[in-house]
Amino acid sequence: MGKRASTHQEGAAETDSQRSDQGAPAQPTSPPVRPLRLVGSTPEEVAPARFMWGETGPFEGFVPGLATAGALAAELDRVLRGRAARLSRTASAAERARWLEDALNPTVAACRVGLVPAARAAFDAATLILAELHAPSAVPQRALRLCRLWTATPPALREIATICELLGASEAVDVAMRVLRTPLPPASMVIEAFDQRLAPEFSLMDALLTTAAMGPGSTTP
């Protein structure tokens, strides 16, 4: 008798438990945790891996020593275009200049340092072209800063100064010429050399053509 009562109580408890489970709202399940992975095992895999994983935050997943100059430049272009699209089309020149400086965050700085000097100069040239495209008022100051930065490396300074001259940053060119004291090479030759270092993710020539197509004084929407 006692055993039968115990069995009955256990069955009733089990039934109550089942009813409780059926009547209770479903509990949300936690999404699977994706393990942290560094982007790309080789420099060529950096950009494709980011987009394959659906990572779209500014410079998310970029790793110093792995990110290429072209991938950095392409991401900077994407970030600036996105910011222009989200914010006011009538943003002032000063606001657009701040967008550029804000986009060049510590992650970008660390990735830039991780580049070999030739690639670093190519990325710096890309920042000048992107400044011309997205924030023209930022070009003179950025050009001056880069020419001073590359003073101790004449070959790179010559290339950067050529881009500065192309963009009309005369003060920066004057600073460079005090060191170089020889004529600058043709801009087309320098752009071609830079594009080889930035390929396949970014092209200075394409960015310049976009700037020219938009007309003087224009900026990306």
Protein backbone atom coordinates (compact mmCIF):
# COMPACT_ATOMS: atom_id res chain seq x y z
CA MET A 1 0.00 0.00 0.00
CA GLY A 2 2.76 2.36 0.96
CA LYS A 3 4.68 1.48 -2.20
CA ARG A 4 1.57 2.04 -4.36
CA ALA A 5 0.98 5.46 -2.78
CA SER A 6 4.60 6.40 -3.35
CA THR A 7 4.36 5.38 -6.98
CA HIS A 8 1.16 7.38 -7.38
CA GLN A 9 2.77 10.46 -5.84
CA GLU A 10 5.81 10.18 -8.10
CA GLY A 11 3.56 9.86 -11.17
CA ALA A 12 1.52 12.85 -10.10
CA ALA A 13 4.66 14.87 -9.55
CA GLU A 14 5.93 13.92 -12.98
CA THR A 15 2.60 14.86 -14.58
CA ASP A 16 2.59 18.23 -12.78
CA SER A 17 6.13 18.83 -13.94
CA GLN A 18 5.20 18.06 -17.54
CA ARG A 19 2.19 20.39 -17.36
CA SER A 20 4.35 23.10 -15.87
CA ASP A 21 6.90 22.69 -18.66
CA GLN A 22 4.19 22.76 -21.32
CA GLY A 23 2.51 25.82 -19.90
CA ALA A 24 5.66 27.84 -19.26
CA PRO A 25 6.89 30.19 -21.98
CA ALA A 26 9.80 28.92 -24.00
CA GLN A 27 13.12 30.07 -22.61
CA PRO A 28 15.36 31.88 -25.12
CA THR A 29 18.44 29.96 -26.08
CA SER A 30 21.80 31.65 -26.23
CA PRO A 31 23.35 31.90 -29.69
CA PRO A 32 26.39 29.76 -30.22
CA VAL A 33 29.58 31.55 -29.25
CA ARG A 34 31.86 32.08 -32.21
CA PRO A 35 35.47 31.61 -31.18
CA LEU A 36 37.69 34.64 -31.62
CA ARG A 37 39.76 34.27 -34.74
CA LEU A 38 42.40 36.48 -36.22
CA VAL A 39 41.59 37.66 -39.70
CA GLY A 40 43.52 35.86 -42.38
CA SER A 41 46.44 33.52 -42.08
CA THR A 42 48.10 35.35 -44.95
CA PRO A 43 47.82 39.02 -45.98
CA GLU A 44 45.84 38.05 -49.10
CA GLU A 45 43.08 36.50 -46.96
CA VAL A 46 42.42 39.50 -44.72
CA ALA A 47 39.65 41.32 -46.58
CA PRO A 48 37.85 38.23 -47.98
CA ALA A 49 37.74 36.61 -44.54
CA ARG A 50 36.14 39.67 -42.94
CA PHE A 51 33.25 39.79 -45.36
CA MET A 52 32.80 36.02 -45.33
CA TRP A 53 32.16 36.24 -41.58
CA GLY A 54 29.77 39.16 -42.02
CA GLU A 55 31.94 41.57 -40.08
CA THR A 56 31.15 45.10 -41.16
CA GLY A 57 32.26 47.29 -38.25
CA PRO A 58 34.98 49.83 -39.11
CA PHE A 59 38.26 47.92 -39.37
CA GLU A 60 36.79 45.01 -37.41
CA GLY A 61 39.06 42.00 -37.63
CA PHE A 62 42.06 43.84 -39.03
CA VAL A 63 45.27 42.53 -37.49
CA PRO A 64 48.64 44.35 -37.57
CA GLY A 65 51.09 42.40 -39.66
CA LEU A 66 48.32 40.68 -41.64
CA ALA A 67 46.27 43.56 -43.05
CA THR A 68 47.53 44.74 -46.43
CA ALA A 69 47.88 48.37 -47.49
CA GLY A 70 45.17 47.89 -50.12
CA ALA A 71 42.75 46.32 -47.64
CA LEU A 72 43.30 49.20 -45.21
CA ALA A 73 42.72 51.78 -47.94
CA ALA A 74 39.59 50.03 -49.21
CA GLU A 75 38.20 49.83 -45.69
CA LEU A 76 38.94 53.52 -45.07
CA ASP A 77 37.05 54.35 -48.26
CA ARG A 78 34.11 52.17 -47.15
CA VAL A 79 34.00 53.77 -43.71
CA LEU A 80 34.05 57.31 -45.11
CA ARG A 81 31.36 56.52 -47.69
CA GLY A 82 29.18 54.97 -45.02
CA ARG A 83 29.57 57.93 -42.72
CA ALA A 84 28.69 60.35 -45.49
CA ALA A 85 25.59 58.30 -46.35
CA ARG A 86 24.38 58.16 -42.74
CA LEU A 87 25.05 61.76 -41.83
CA SER A 88 23.99 65.03 -43.37
CA ARG A 89 24.78 65.63 -47.02
CA THR A 90 25.36 69.26 -46.07
CA ALA A 91 28.11 68.49 -43.54
CA SER A 92 30.66 71.27 -43.30
CA ALA A 93 34.24 70.96 -44.48
CA ALA A 94 35.43 70.86 -40.87
CA GLU A 95 33.01 68.03 -40.07
CA ARG A 96 34.21 65.99 -43.03
CA ALA A 97 37.82 66.55 -42.00
CA ARG A 98 36.95 65.19 -38.55
CA TRP A 99 35.40 62.10 -40.17
CA LEU A 100 38.74 61.36 -41.79
CA GLU A 101 40.71 61.83 -38.57
CA ASP A 102 38.21 59.75 -36.59
CA ALA A 103 38.38 56.95 -39.16
CA LEU A 104 42.16 56.78 -38.83
CA ASN A 105 41.78 55.15 -35.42
CA PRO A 106 44.37 53.26 -33.31
CA THR A 107 43.63 50.01 -35.15
CA VAL A 108 44.53 51.67 -38.44
CA ALA A 109 47.67 53.18 -36.91
CA ALA A 110 48.77 49.78 -35.60
CA CYS A 111 48.11 48.10 -38.96
CA ARG A 112 49.99 50.87 -40.75
CA VAL A 113 53.05 50.33 -38.55
CA GLY A 114 52.85 46.62 -39.39
CA LEU A 115 53.34 47.34 -43.10
CA VAL A 116 56.72 47.32 -44.81
CA PRO A 117 57.87 50.89 -45.65
CA ALA A 118 56.94 50.71 -49.35
CA ALA A 119 53.41 49.53 -48.53
CA ARG A 120 53.16 52.09 -45.73
CA ALA A 121 53.94 54.89 -48.18
CA ALA A 122 51.30 53.50 -50.56
CA PHE A 123 48.70 53.54 -47.79
CA ASP A 124 49.66 57.11 -46.86
CA ALA A 125 49.23 58.13 -50.49
CA ALA A 126 45.81 56.46 -50.46
CA THR A 127 44.78 58.49 -47.41
CA LEU A 128 45.63 61.66 -49.33
CA ILE A 129 43.56 60.61 -52.34
CA LEU A 130 40.67 59.59 -50.08
CA ALA A 131 40.91 62.92 -48.28
CA GLU A 132 40.60 64.65 -51.66
CA LEU A 133 37.56 62.49 -52.43
CA HIS A 134 35.75 62.68 -49.09
CA ALA A 135 37.17 65.67 -47.17
CA PRO A 136 39.14 68.05 -49.44
CA SER A 137 39.74 70.58 -46.68
CA ALA A 138 41.82 67.98 -44.84
CA VAL A 139 44.30 67.54 -47.72
CA PRO A 140 46.76 70.42 -47.04
CA GLN A 141 47.31 69.58 -43.38
CA ARG A 142 47.52 65.84 -43.97
CA ALA A 143 49.92 66.33 -46.89
CA LEU A 144 52.16 68.52 -44.75
CA ARG A 145 52.13 65.97 -41.94
CA LEU A 146 53.08 63.11 -44.26
CA CYS A 147 55.91 65.00 -45.95
CA ARG A 148 57.39 65.81 -42.56
CA LEU A 149 56.92 62.19 -41.49
CA TRP A 150 58.81 60.79 -44.49
CA THR A 151 61.67 63.34 -44.46
CA ALA A 152 64.21 60.72 -43.36
CA THR A 153 63.26 58.39 -46.25
CA PRO A 154 63.87 60.32 -49.50
CA PRO A 155 62.54 57.66 -51.94
CA ALA A 156 59.19 57.48 -50.15
CA LEU A 157 59.17 61.25 -49.61
CA ARG A 158 59.60 61.75 -53.35
CA GLU A 159 56.56 59.58 -54.05
CA ILE A 160 54.40 61.22 -51.39
CA ALA A 161 55.44 64.70 -52.55
CA THR A 162 54.42 63.80 -56.10
CA ILE A 163 50.91 62.98 -54.90
CA CYS A 164 50.89 66.20 -52.85
CA GLU A 165 51.82 68.19 -55.95
CA LEU A 166 49.06 66.47 -57.92
CA LEU A 167 46.54 67.53 -55.27
CA GLY A 168 47.84 71.09 -55.07
CA ALA A 169 49.27 70.84 -51.55
CA SER A 170 52.01 73.37 -52.27
CA GLU A 171 53.19 73.90 -48.68
CA ALA A 172 53.82 70.18 -48.27
CA VAL A 173 55.70 70.06 -51.58
CA ASP A 174 57.91 72.96 -50.45
CA VAL A 175 58.81 71.04 -47.29
CA ALA A 176 59.69 67.97 -49.34
CA MET A 177 61.76 69.89 -51.89
CA ARG A 178 63.99 71.33 -49.18
CA VAL A 179 65.10 67.74 -48.62
CA LEU A 180 64.95 66.34 -52.15
CA ARG A 181 66.32 69.28 -54.19
CA THR A 182 65.60 67.45 -57.46
CA PRO A 183 62.53 67.45 -59.72
CA LEU A 184 59.69 65.12 -58.82
CA PRO A 185 58.88 62.17 -61.11
CA PRO A 186 55.77 62.11 -63.33
CA ALA A 187 52.61 61.57 -61.31
CA SER A 188 51.45 58.76 -63.60
CA MET A 189 54.57 56.74 -62.86
CA VAL A 190 54.18 57.16 -59.09
CA ILE A 191 50.48 56.30 -59.17
CA GLU A 192 51.20 53.14 -61.15
CA ALA A 193 53.86 52.10 -58.62
CA PHE A 194 51.53 52.74 -55.70
CA ASP A 195 48.67 50.87 -57.34
CA GLN A 196 50.85 47.79 -57.72
CA ARG A 197 51.39 47.82 -53.96
CA LEU A 198 47.72 48.41 -53.20
CA ALA A 199 46.30 45.85 -55.63
CA PRO A 200 43.92 44.15 -55.79
CA GLU A 201 41.86 45.79 -53.04
CA PHE A 202 42.35 49.46 -53.93
CA SER A 203 43.43 51.71 -56.78
CA LEU A 204 44.58 55.33 -56.55
CA MET A 205 43.77 55.83 -60.21
CA ASP A 206 40.17 54.69 -59.75
CA ALA A 207 39.74 56.99 -56.76
CA LEU A 208 41.21 59.92 -58.71
CA LEU A 209 38.85 59.23 -61.62
CA THR A 210 35.92 59.21 -59.19
CA THR A 211 37.05 62.54 -57.78
CA ALA A 212 37.41 64.04 -61.26
CA ALA A 213 33.97 62.78 -62.30
CA MET A 214 32.36 64.47 -59.32
CA GLY A 215 33.74 67.87 -60.28
CA PRO A 216 35.55 70.54 -58.26
CA GLY A 217 34.38 71.14 -54.73
CA SER A 218 32.23 68.01 -54.66
CA THR A 219 32.36 65.32 -52.00
CA THR A 220 30.84 61.89 -51.83
CA PRO A 221 27.17 61.86 -50.79
